[in-house]
Amino acid sequence: MTTAWVITQEGPQHETGCVMPTLSADVARSNPQIRAAYKRKMLELVRKMSNILDGAGPDREKRAWSVIAMMVGAIAISRAMPDSEEADRALDSALQTAIALIAPK
């Protein structure tokens, strides 16, 4: 799941990838109604991800938040950097950590 999502974020076609890095910054400057709608959707995303993770409920939610926040941040950082090995490394490092959080040993 996470691997497929990150793969779509890579390459020169960033405009067709995840909107969360850009949307989050825009929503932060928006009115309370838009922020409330964003919150509802974000909580829905966390709930959906939590439901597919193993472990106790609170731990699943914590890991879901961690994965989402980390991947959105990694995509934002990667997009801001010129195409380079470092940008790819940011995505790959976050992806490897996300995979570890999704399937803890």
PDB file of N, CA and C in Angstrom:
ATOM      1  N   MET A   1       0.833  -1.184   0.000  1.00  0.00           N
ATOM      2  CA  MET A   1       0.000   0.000   0.000  1.00  0.00           C
ATOM      3  C   MET A   1       0.876   1.245   0.000  1.00  0.00           C
ATOM      4  N   THR A   2       1.722   1.423   1.002  1.00  0.00           N
ATOM      5  CA  THR A   2       2.562   2.610   1.089  1.00  0.00           C
ATOM      6  C   THR A   2       3.553   2.665  -0.058  1.00  0.00           C
ATOM      7  N   THR A   3       4.142   1.541  -0.414  1.00  0.00           N
ATOM      8  CA  THR A   3       5.111   1.517  -1.507  1.00  0.00           C
ATOM      9  C   THR A   3       4.469   1.990  -2.798  1.00  0.00           C
ATOM     10  N   ALA A   4       3.295   1.490  -3.117  1.00  0.00           N
ATOM     11  CA  ALA A   4       2.609   1.898  -4.348  1.00  0.00           C
ATOM     12  C   ALA A   4       2.290   3.385  -4.317  1.00  0.00           C
ATOM     13  N   TRP A   5       1.903   3.886  -3.153  1.00  0.00           N
ATOM     14  CA  TRP A   5       1.571   5.307  -3.027  1.00  0.00           C
ATOM     15  C   TRP A   5       2.793   6.162  -3.258  1.00  0.00           C
ATOM     16  N   VAL A   6       3.922   5.794  -2.681  1.00  0.00           N
ATOM     17  CA  VAL A   6       5.135   6.590  -2.828  1.00  0.00           C
ATOM     18  C   VAL A   6       5.653   6.540  -4.250  1.00  0.00           C
ATOM     19  N   ILE A   7       5.567   5.402  -4.891  1.00  0.00           N
ATOM     20  CA  ILE A   7       6.049   5.295  -6.268  1.00  0.00           C
ATOM     21  C   ILE A   7       5.328   6.300  -7.157  1.00  0.00           C
ATOM     22  N   THR A   8       4.056   6.557  -6.907  1.00  0.00           N
ATOM     23  CA  THR A   8       3.316   7.526  -7.728  1.00  0.00           C
ATOM     24  C   THR A   8       3.757   8.955  -7.448  1.00  0.00           C
ATOM     25  N   GLN A   9       4.484   9.186  -6.359  1.00  0.00           N
ATOM     26  CA  GLN A   9       4.935  10.533  -6.013  1.00  0.00           C
ATOM     27  C   GLN A   9       6.263  10.876  -6.682  1.00  0.00           C
ATOM     28  N   GLU A  10       6.957   9.870  -7.188  1.00  0.00           N
ATOM     29  CA  GLU A  10       8.286  10.075  -7.736  1.00  0.00           C
ATOM     30  C   GLU A  10       8.213  10.450  -9.210  1.00  0.00           C
ATOM     31  N   GLY A  11       9.319  10.914  -9.716  1.00  0.00           N
ATOM     32  CA  GLY A  11       9.420  11.218 -11.135  1.00  0.00           C
ATOM     33  C   GLY A  11       8.965  12.626 -11.450  1.00  0.00           C
ATOM     34  N   PRO A  12       9.001  12.978 -12.717  1.00  0.00           N
ATOM     35  CA  PRO A  12       8.728  14.358 -13.122  1.00  0.00           C
ATOM     36  C   PRO A  12       7.254  14.742 -13.069  1.00  0.00           C
ATOM     37  N   GLN A  13       6.346  13.797 -12.827  1.00  0.00           N
ATOM     38  CA  GLN A  13       4.921  14.079 -12.877  1.00  0.00           C
ATOM     39  C   GLN A  13       4.340  14.363 -11.490  1.00  0.00           C
ATOM     40  N   HIS A  14       5.008  15.154 -10.675  1.00  0.00           N
ATOM     41  CA  HIS A  14       4.540  15.420  -9.316  1.00  0.00           C
ATOM     42  C   HIS A  14       3.121  15.976  -9.274  1.00  0.00           C
ATOM     43  N   GLU A  15       2.718  16.677 -10.319  1.00  0.00           N
ATOM     44  CA  GLU A  15       1.385  17.279 -10.317  1.00  0.00           C
ATOM     45  C   GLU A  15       0.270  16.238 -10.322  1.00  0.00           C
ATOM     46  N   THR A  16       0.579  14.992 -10.646  1.00  0.00           N
ATOM     47  CA  THR A  16      -0.439  13.951 -10.628  1.00  0.00           C
ATOM     48  C   THR A  16      -0.373  13.112  -9.356  1.00  0.00           C
ATOM     49  N   GLY A  17       0.525  13.449  -8.456  1.00  0.00           N
ATOM     50  CA  GLY A  17       0.699  12.687  -7.220  1.00  0.00           C
ATOM     51  C   GLY A  17      -0.180  13.212  -6.097  1.00  0.00           C
ATOM     52  N   CYS A  18       0.212  12.902  -4.905  1.00  0.00           N
ATOM     53  CA  CYS A  18      -0.529  13.248  -3.697  1.00  0.00           C
ATOM     54  C   CYS A  18      -0.661  14.761  -3.529  1.00  0.00           C
ATOM     55  N   VAL A  19      -1.870  15.205  -3.222  1.00  0.00           N
ATOM     56  CA  VAL A  19      -2.109  16.634  -3.020  1.00  0.00           C
ATOM     57  C   VAL A  19      -1.872  17.066  -1.575  1.00  0.00           C
ATOM     58  N   MET A  20      -1.715  16.116  -0.668  1.00  0.00           N
ATOM     59  CA  MET A  20      -1.632  16.445   0.749  1.00  0.00           C
ATOM     60  C   MET A  20      -0.511  17.417   1.107  1.00  0.00           C
ATOM     61  N   PRO A  21       0.698  17.308   0.558  1.00  0.00           N
ATOM     62  CA  PRO A  21       1.733  18.270   0.941  1.00  0.00           C
ATOM     63  C   PRO A  21       1.356  19.717   0.635  1.00  0.00           C
ATOM     64  N   THR A  22       0.789  19.949  -0.522  1.00  0.00           N
ATOM     65  CA  THR A  22       0.389  21.304  -0.901  1.00  0.00           C
ATOM     66  C   THR A  22      -0.911  21.707  -0.227  1.00  0.00           C
ATOM     67  N   LEU A  23      -1.871  20.810  -0.233  1.00  0.00           N
ATOM     68  CA  LEU A  23      -3.180  21.091   0.347  1.00  0.00           C
ATOM     69  C   LEU A  23      -3.080  21.443   1.828  1.00  0.00           C
ATOM     70  N   SER A  24      -2.256  20.722   2.555  1.00  0.00           N
ATOM     71  CA  SER A  24      -2.134  20.957   3.997  1.00  0.00           C
ATOM     72  C   SER A  24      -1.675  22.380   4.286  1.00  0.00           C
ATOM     73  N   ALA A  25      -0.701  22.858   3.544  1.00  0.00           N
ATOM     74  CA  ALA A  25      -0.210  24.227   3.750  1.00  0.00           C
ATOM     75  C   ALA A  25      -1.294  25.250   3.408  1.00  0.00           C
ATOM     76  N   ASP A  26      -2.041  25.010   2.347  1.00  0.00           N
ATOM     77  CA  ASP A  26      -3.110  25.929   1.973  1.00  0.00           C
ATOM     78  C   ASP A  26      -4.239  25.929   3.000  1.00  0.00           C
ATOM     79  N   VAL A  27      -4.603  24.762   3.470  1.00  0.00           N
ATOM     80  CA  VAL A  27      -5.689  24.651   4.451  1.00  0.00           C
ATOM     81  C   VAL A  27      -5.318  25.351   5.751  1.00  0.00           C
ATOM     82  N   ALA A  28      -4.071  25.284   6.133  1.00  0.00           N
ATOM     83  CA  ALA A  28      -3.621  25.922   7.379  1.00  0.00           C
ATOM     84  C   ALA A  28      -3.899  27.429   7.367  1.00  0.00           C
ATOM     85  N   ARG A  29      -3.978  28.006   6.187  1.00  0.00           N
ATOM     86  CA  ARG A  29      -4.243  29.451   6.058  1.00  0.00           C
ATOM     87  C   ARG A  29      -5.701  29.752   5.723  1.00  0.00           C
ATOM     88  N   SER A  30      -6.544  28.728   5.745  1.00  0.00           N
ATOM     89  CA  SER A  30      -7.941  28.872   5.328  1.00  0.00           C
ATOM     90  C   SER A  30      -8.865  29.198   6.497  1.00  0.00           C
ATOM     91  N   ASN A  31     -10.141  29.349   6.166  1.00  0.00           N
ATOM     92  CA  ASN A  31     -11.149  29.664   7.176  1.00  0.00           C
ATOM     93  C   ASN A  31     -11.502  28.430   8.005  1.00  0.00           C
ATOM     94  N   PRO A  32     -12.181  28.619   9.125  1.00  0.00           N
ATOM     95  CA  PRO A  32     -12.499  27.503  10.019  1.00  0.00           C
ATOM     96  C   PRO A  32     -13.331  26.393   9.377  1.00  0.00           C
ATOM     97  N   GLN A  33     -14.207  26.711   8.456  1.00  0.00           N
ATOM     98  CA  GLN A  33     -15.024  25.686   7.820  1.00  0.00           C
ATOM     99  C   GLN A  33     -14.166  24.751   6.959  1.00  0.00           C
ATOM    100  N   ILE A  34     -13.251  25.315   6.223  1.00  0.00           N
ATOM    101  CA  ILE A  34     -12.364  24.497   5.391  1.00  0.00           C
ATOM    102  C   ILE A  34     -11.465  23.653   6.280  1.00  0.00           C
ATOM    103  N   ARG A  35     -10.954  24.245   7.348  1.00  0.00           N
ATOM    104  CA  ARG A  35     -10.091  23.487   8.267  1.00  0.00           C
ATOM    105  C   ARG A  35     -10.867  22.351   8.924  1.00  0.00           C
ATOM    106  N   ALA A  36     -12.134  22.570   9.233  1.00  0.00           N
ATOM    107  CA  ALA A  36     -12.964  21.512   9.835  1.00  0.00           C
ATOM    108  C   ALA A  36     -13.189  20.375   8.829  1.00  0.00           C
ATOM    109  N   ALA A  37     -13.417  20.720   7.569  1.00  0.00           N
ATOM    110  CA  ALA A  37     -13.595  19.688   6.537  1.00  0.00           C
ATOM    111  C   ALA A  37     -12.305  18.898   6.355  1.00  0.00           C
ATOM    112  N   TYR A  38     -11.189  19.574   6.354  1.00  0.00           N
ATOM    113  CA  TYR A  38      -9.889  18.913   6.245  1.00  0.00           C
ATOM    114  C   TYR A  38      -9.686  17.960   7.421  1.00  0.00           C
ATOM    115  N   LYS A  39     -10.019  18.418   8.610  1.00  0.00           N
ATOM    116  CA  LYS A  39      -9.878  17.579   9.807  1.00  0.00           C
ATOM    117  C   LYS A  39     -10.720  16.309   9.675  1.00  0.00           C
ATOM    118  N   ARG A  40     -11.951  16.449   9.234  1.00  0.00           N
ATOM    119  CA  ARG A  40     -12.816  15.278   9.062  1.00  0.00           C
ATOM    120  C   ARG A  40     -12.199  14.272   8.091  1.00  0.00           C
ATOM    121  N   LYS A  41     -11.703  14.765   6.977  1.00  0.00           N
ATOM    122  CA  LYS A  41     -11.107  13.884   5.972  1.00  0.00           C
ATOM    123  C   LYS A  41      -9.809  13.259   6.480  1.00  0.00           C
ATOM    124  N   MET A  42      -9.016  14.027   7.200  1.00  0.00           N
ATOM    125  CA  MET A  42      -7.773  13.496   7.736  1.00  0.00           C
ATOM    126  C   MET A  42      -8.058  12.414   8.776  1.00  0.00           C
ATOM    127  N   LEU A  43      -9.028  12.645   9.638  1.00  0.00           N
ATOM    128  CA  LEU A  43      -9.397  11.634  10.631  1.00  0.00           C
ATOM    129  C   LEU A  43      -9.940  10.380   9.964  1.00  0.00           C
ATOM    130  N   GLU A  44     -10.661  10.545   8.869  1.00  0.00           N
ATOM    131  CA  GLU A  44     -11.156   9.398   8.110  1.00  0.00           C
ATOM    132  C   GLU A  44      -9.986   8.602   7.518  1.00  0.00           C
ATOM    133  N   LEU A  45      -9.003   9.295   6.979  1.00  0.00           N
ATOM    134  CA  LEU A  45      -7.824   8.627   6.424  1.00  0.00           C
ATOM    135  C   LEU A  45      -7.071   7.865   7.518  1.00  0.00           C
ATOM    136  N   VAL A  46      -6.888   8.491   8.671  1.00  0.00           N
ATOM    137  CA  VAL A  46      -6.201   7.827   9.780  1.00  0.00           C
ATOM    138  C   VAL A  46      -6.987   6.600  10.232  1.00  0.00           C
ATOM    139  N   ARG A  47      -8.303   6.726  10.309  1.00  0.00           N
ATOM    140  CA  ARG A  47      -9.138   5.586  10.716  1.00  0.00           C
ATOM    141  C   ARG A  47      -9.007   4.445   9.727  1.00  0.00           C
ATOM    142  N   LYS A  48      -9.059   4.749   8.436  1.00  0.00           N
ATOM    143  CA  LYS A  48      -8.938   3.706   7.416  1.00  0.00           C
ATOM    144  C   LYS A  48      -7.582   3.003   7.511  1.00  0.00           C
ATOM    145  N   MET A  49      -6.530   3.781   7.668  1.00  0.00           N
ATOM    146  CA  MET A  49      -5.213   3.171   7.776  1.00  0.00           C
ATOM    147  C   MET A  49      -5.099   2.369   9.066  1.00  0.00           C
ATOM    148  N   SER A  50      -5.612   2.899  10.159  1.00  0.00           N
ATOM    149  CA  SER A  50      -5.565   2.194  11.447  1.00  0.00           C
ATOM    150  C   SER A  50      -6.248   0.843  11.364  1.00  0.00           C
ATOM    151  N   ASN A  51      -7.348   0.793  10.638  1.00  0.00           N
ATOM    152  CA  ASN A  51      -8.124  -0.448  10.539  1.00  0.00           C
ATOM    153  C   ASN A  51      -7.399  -1.578   9.830  1.00  0.00           C
ATOM    154  N   ILE A  52      -6.402  -1.257   9.030  1.00  0.00           N
ATOM    155  CA  ILE A  52      -5.690  -2.325   8.326  1.00  0.00           C
ATOM    156  C   ILE A  52      -4.369  -2.697   8.997  1.00  0.00           C
ATOM    157  N   LEU A  53      -3.999  -1.978  10.045  1.00  0.00           N
ATOM    158  CA  LEU A  53      -2.756  -2.281  10.746  1.00  0.00           C
ATOM    159  C   LEU A  53      -2.996  -3.313  11.843  1.00  0.00           C
ATOM    160  N   ASP A  54      -1.947  -4.060  12.162  1.00  0.00           N
ATOM    161  CA  ASP A  54      -2.004  -5.010  13.267  1.00  0.00           C
ATOM    162  C   ASP A  54      -1.719  -4.286  14.581  1.00  0.00           C
ATOM    163  N   GLY A  55      -2.136  -4.900  15.679  1.00  0.00           N
ATOM    164  CA  GLY A  55      -1.814  -4.373  17.001  1.00  0.00           C
ATOM    165  C   GLY A  55      -3.021  -3.807  17.703  1.00  0.00           C
ATOM    166  N   ALA A  56      -2.776  -3.258  18.897  1.00  0.00           N
ATOM    167  CA  ALA A  56      -3.835  -2.654  19.704  1.00  0.00           C
ATOM    168  C   ALA A  56      -4.305  -1.351  19.072  1.00  0.00           C
ATOM    169  N   GLY A  57      -5.570  -0.994  19.321  1.00  0.00           N
ATOM    170  CA  GLY A  57      -6.178   0.200  18.724  1.00  0.00           C
ATOM    171  C   GLY A  57      -5.367   1.469  18.864  1.00  0.00           C
ATOM    172  N   PRO A  58      -4.980   1.870  20.087  1.00  0.00           N
ATOM    173  CA  PRO A  58      -4.217   3.113  20.233  1.00  0.00           C
ATOM    174  C   PRO A  58      -2.870   3.073  19.501  1.00  0.00           C
ATOM    175  N   ASP A  59      -2.233   1.916  19.508  1.00  0.00           N
ATOM    176  CA  ASP A  59      -0.954   1.788  18.804  1.00  0.00           C
ATOM    177  C   ASP A  59      -1.161   1.899  17.297  1.00  0.00           C
ATOM    178  N   ARG A  60      -2.215   1.300  16.781  1.00  0.00           N
ATOM    179  CA  ARG A  60      -2.497   1.379  15.339  1.00  0.00           C
ATOM    180  C   ARG A  60      -2.738   2.828  14.925  1.00  0.00           C
ATOM    181  N   GLU A  61      -3.508   3.548  15.720  1.00  0.00           N
ATOM    182  CA  GLU A  61      -3.780   4.950  15.385  1.00  0.00           C
ATOM    183  C   GLU A  61      -2.494   5.775  15.413  1.00  0.00           C
ATOM    184  N   LYS A  62      -1.668   5.549  16.404  1.00  0.00           N
ATOM    185  CA  LYS A  62      -0.398   6.273  16.512  1.00  0.00           C
ATOM    186  C   LYS A  62       0.485   5.996  15.297  1.00  0.00           C
ATOM    187  N   ARG A  63       0.566   4.731  14.891  1.00  0.00           N
ATOM    188  CA  ARG A  63       1.372   4.383  13.723  1.00  0.00           C
ATOM    189  C   ARG A  63       0.776   4.962  12.454  1.00  0.00           C
ATOM    190  N   ALA A  64      -0.547   4.972  12.341  1.00  0.00           N
ATOM    191  CA  ALA A  64      -1.189   5.556  11.153  1.00  0.00           C
ATOM    192  C   ALA A  64      -0.857   7.041  11.038  1.00  0.00           C
ATOM    193  N   TRP A  65      -0.997   7.773  12.144  1.00  0.00           N
ATOM    194  CA  TRP A  65      -0.630   9.195  12.133  1.00  0.00           C
ATOM    195  C   TRP A  65       0.836   9.376  11.743  1.00  0.00           C
ATOM    196  N   SER A  66       1.704   8.543  12.306  1.00  0.00           N
ATOM    197  CA  SER A  66       3.133   8.662  12.027  1.00  0.00           C
ATOM    198  C   SER A  66       3.435   8.437  10.553  1.00  0.00           C
ATOM    199  N   VAL A  67       2.852   7.406   9.978  1.00  0.00           N
ATOM    200  CA  VAL A  67       3.097   7.092   8.571  1.00  0.00           C
ATOM    201  C   VAL A  67       2.587   8.226   7.676  1.00  0.00           C
ATOM    202  N   ILE A  68       1.384   8.673   7.921  1.00  0.00           N
ATOM    203  CA  ILE A  68       0.812   9.736   7.081  1.00  0.00           C
ATOM    204  C   ILE A  68       1.632  11.014   7.182  1.00  0.00           C
ATOM    205  N   ALA A  69       1.932  11.440   8.399  1.00  0.00           N
ATOM    206  CA  ALA A  69       2.689  12.681   8.589  1.00  0.00           C
ATOM    207  C   ALA A  69       4.087  12.575   7.972  1.00  0.00           C
ATOM    208  N   MET A  70       4.729  11.440   8.184  1.00  0.00           N
ATOM    209  CA  MET A  70       6.078  11.265   7.658  1.00  0.00           C
ATOM    210  C   MET A  70       6.085  11.262   6.136  1.00  0.00           C
ATOM    211  N   MET A  71       5.152  10.564   5.518  1.00  0.00           N
ATOM    212  CA  MET A  71       5.151  10.481   4.068  1.00  0.00           C
ATOM    213  C   MET A  71       4.760  11.805   3.418  1.00  0.00           C
ATOM    214  N   VAL A  72       3.797  12.515   3.999  1.00  0.00           N
ATOM    215  CA  VAL A  72       3.434  13.824   3.456  1.00  0.00           C
ATOM    216  C   VAL A  72       4.629  14.776   3.547  1.00  0.00           C
ATOM    217  N   GLY A  73       5.308  14.747   4.686  1.00  0.00           N
ATOM    218  CA  GLY A  73       6.494  15.588   4.847  1.00  0.00           C
ATOM    219  C   GLY A  73       7.611  15.208   3.888  1.00  0.00           C
ATOM    220  N   ALA A  74       7.841  13.920   3.720  1.00  0.00           N
ATOM    221  CA  ALA A  74       8.898  13.465   2.812  1.00  0.00           C
ATOM    222  C   ALA A  74       8.609  13.878   1.376  1.00  0.00           C
ATOM    223  N   ILE A  75       7.348  13.794   0.985  1.00  0.00           N
ATOM    224  CA  ILE A  75       6.975  14.203  -0.377  1.00  0.00           C
ATOM    225  C   ILE A  75       7.190  15.704  -0.544  1.00  0.00           C
ATOM    226  N   ALA A  76       6.788  16.489   0.462  1.00  0.00           N
ATOM    227  CA  ALA A  76       6.972  17.942   0.382  1.00  0.00           C
ATOM    228  C   ALA A  76       8.455  18.291   0.261  1.00  0.00           C
ATOM    229  N   ILE A  77       9.285  17.664   1.066  1.00  0.00           N
ATOM    230  CA  ILE A  77      10.725  17.923   1.019  1.00  0.00           C
ATOM    231  C   ILE A  77      11.294  17.499  -0.333  1.00  0.00           C
ATOM    232  N   SER A  78      10.914  16.319  -0.791  1.00  0.00           N
ATOM    233  CA  SER A  78      11.423  15.814  -2.060  1.00  0.00           C
ATOM    234  C   SER A  78      11.035  16.725  -3.221  1.00  0.00           C
ATOM    235  N   ARG A  79       9.808  17.191  -3.216  1.00  0.00           N
ATOM    236  CA  ARG A  79       9.348  18.066  -4.300  1.00  0.00           C
ATOM    237  C   ARG A  79      10.059  19.409  -4.284  1.00  0.00           C
ATOM    238  N   ALA A  80      10.434  19.888  -3.111  1.00  0.00           N
ATOM    239  CA  ALA A  80      11.079  21.198  -3.000  1.00  0.00           C
ATOM    240  C   ALA A  80      12.539  21.160  -3.450  1.00  0.00           C
ATOM    241  N   MET A  81      13.135  19.984  -3.431  1.00  0.00           N
ATOM    242  CA  MET A  81      14.530  19.850  -3.826  1.00  0.00           C
ATOM    243  C   MET A  81      14.621  19.680  -5.338  1.00  0.00           C
ATOM    244  N   PRO A  82      15.733  20.141  -5.913  1.00  0.00           N
ATOM    245  CA  PRO A  82      15.911  19.844  -7.334  1.00  0.00           C
ATOM    246  C   PRO A  82      15.997  18.333  -7.513  1.00  0.00           C
ATOM    247  N   ASP A  83      15.612  17.860  -8.667  1.00  0.00           N
ATOM    248  CA  ASP A  83      15.724  16.418  -8.919  1.00  0.00           C
ATOM    249  C   ASP A  83      17.149  15.986  -8.601  1.00  0.00           C
ATOM    250  N   SER A  84      17.252  15.078  -7.646  1.00  0.00           N
ATOM    251  CA  SER A  84      18.587  14.665  -7.226  1.00  0.00           C
ATOM    252  C   SER A  84      18.505  13.382  -6.422  1.00  0.00           C
ATOM    253  N   GLU A  85      19.667  12.828  -6.164  1.00  0.00           N
ATOM    254  CA  GLU A  85      19.732  11.639  -5.329  1.00  0.00           C
ATOM    255  C   GLU A  85      19.212  11.935  -3.930  1.00  0.00           C
ATOM    256  N   GLU A  86      19.456  13.137  -3.438  1.00  0.00           N
ATOM    257  CA  GLU A  86      19.015  13.494  -2.093  1.00  0.00           C
ATOM    258  C   GLU A  86      17.493  13.508  -1.992  1.00  0.00           C
ATOM    259  N   ALA A  87      16.827  14.009  -3.012  1.00  0.00           N
ATOM    260  CA  ALA A  87      15.363  14.010  -3.015  1.00  0.00           C
ATOM    261  C   ALA A  87      14.836  12.577  -3.006  1.00  0.00           C
ATOM    262  N   ASP A  88      15.449  11.734  -3.812  1.00  0.00           N
ATOM    263  CA  ASP A  88      15.056  10.319  -3.826  1.00  0.00           C
ATOM    264  C   ASP A  88      15.347   9.663  -2.485  1.00  0.00           C
ATOM    265  N   ARG A  89      16.467  10.028  -1.872  1.00  0.00           N
ATOM    266  CA  ARG A  89      16.842   9.447  -0.585  1.00  0.00           C
ATOM    267  C   ARG A  89      15.843   9.839   0.501  1.00  0.00           C
ATOM    268  N   ALA A  90      15.339  11.074   0.452  1.00  0.00           N
ATOM    269  CA  ALA A  90      14.333  11.511   1.432  1.00  0.00           C
ATOM    270  C   ALA A  90      13.090  10.636   1.339  1.00  0.00           C
ATOM    271  N   LEU A  91      12.613  10.404   0.115  1.00  0.00           N
ATOM    272  CA  LEU A  91      11.440   9.545  -0.076  1.00  0.00           C
ATOM    273  C   LEU A  91      11.721   8.108   0.332  1.00  0.00           C
ATOM    274  N   ASP A  92      12.857   7.593  -0.084  1.00  0.00           N
ATOM    275  CA  ASP A  92      13.170   6.200   0.213  1.00  0.00           C
ATOM    276  C   ASP A  92      13.347   5.977   1.714  1.00  0.00           C
ATOM    277  N   SER A  93      14.012   6.901   2.384  1.00  0.00           N
ATOM    278  CA  SER A  93      14.213   6.757   3.835  1.00  0.00           C
ATOM    279  C   SER A  93      12.878   6.758   4.572  1.00  0.00           C
ATOM    280  N   ALA A  94      12.007   7.684   4.203  1.00  0.00           N
ATOM    281  CA  ALA A  94      10.689   7.734   4.836  1.00  0.00           C
ATOM    282  C   ALA A  94       9.885   6.477   4.519  1.00  0.00           C
ATOM    283  N   LEU A  95       9.975   6.007   3.283  1.00  0.00           N
ATOM    284  CA  LEU A  95       9.251   4.800   2.889  1.00  0.00           C
ATOM    285  C   LEU A  95       9.708   3.596   3.708  1.00  0.00           C
ATOM    286  N   GLN A  96      11.007   3.432   3.869  1.00  0.00           N
ATOM    287  CA  GLN A  96      11.512   2.290   4.636  1.00  0.00           C
ATOM    288  C   GLN A  96      11.047   2.355   6.087  1.00  0.00           C
ATOM    289  N   THR A  97      11.022   3.537   6.662  1.00  0.00           N
ATOM    290  CA  THR A  97      10.543   3.699   8.033  1.00  0.00           C
ATOM    291  C   THR A  97       9.041   3.449   8.108  1.00  0.00           C
ATOM    292  N   ALA A  98       8.301   3.919   7.116  1.00  0.00           N
ATOM    293  CA  ALA A  98       6.846   3.685   7.085  1.00  0.00           C
ATOM    294  C   ALA A  98       6.543   2.197   7.000  1.00  0.00           C
ATOM    295  N   ILE A  99       7.276   1.492   6.178  1.00  0.00           N
ATOM    296  CA  ILE A  99       7.066   0.041   6.060  1.00  0.00           C
ATOM    297  C   ILE A  99       7.323  -0.628   7.395  1.00  0.00           C
ATOM    298  N   ALA A 100       8.356  -0.202   8.100  1.00  0.00           N
ATOM    299  CA  ALA A 100       8.645  -0.768   9.417  1.00  0.00           C
ATOM    300  C   ALA A 100       7.522  -0.484  10.412  1.00  0.00           C
ATOM    301  N   LEU A 101       6.914   0.691  10.309  1.00  0.00           N
ATOM    302  CA  LEU A 101       5.800   1.031  11.199  1.00  0.00           C
ATOM    303  C   LEU A 101       4.531   0.256  10.857  1.00  0.00           C
ATOM    304  N   ILE A 102       4.357  -0.010   9.576  1.00  0.00           N
ATOM    305  CA  ILE A 102       3.164  -0.732   9.146  1.00  0.00           C
ATOM    306  C   ILE A 102       3.225  -2.198   9.554  1.00  0.00           C
ATOM    307  N   ALA A 103       4.396  -2.780   9.446  1.00  0.00           N
ATOM    308  CA  ALA A 103       4.567  -4.198   9.754  1.00  0.00           C
ATOM    309  C   ALA A 103       5.647  -4.374  10.818  1.00  0.00           C
ATOM    310  N   PRO A 104       5.362  -3.951  12.062  1.00  0.00           N
ATOM    311  CA  PRO A 104       6.400  -4.071  13.087  1.00  0.00           C
ATOM    312  C   PRO A 104       6.721  -5.534  13.374  1.00  0.00           C
ATOM    313  N   LYS A 105       7.954  -5.771  13.750  1.00  0.00           N
ATOM    314  CA  LYS A 105       8.374  -7.159  14.014  1.00  0.00           C
ATOM    315  C   LYS A 105       8.136  -7.524  15.446  1.00  0.00           C
TER     316      LYS A 105
END
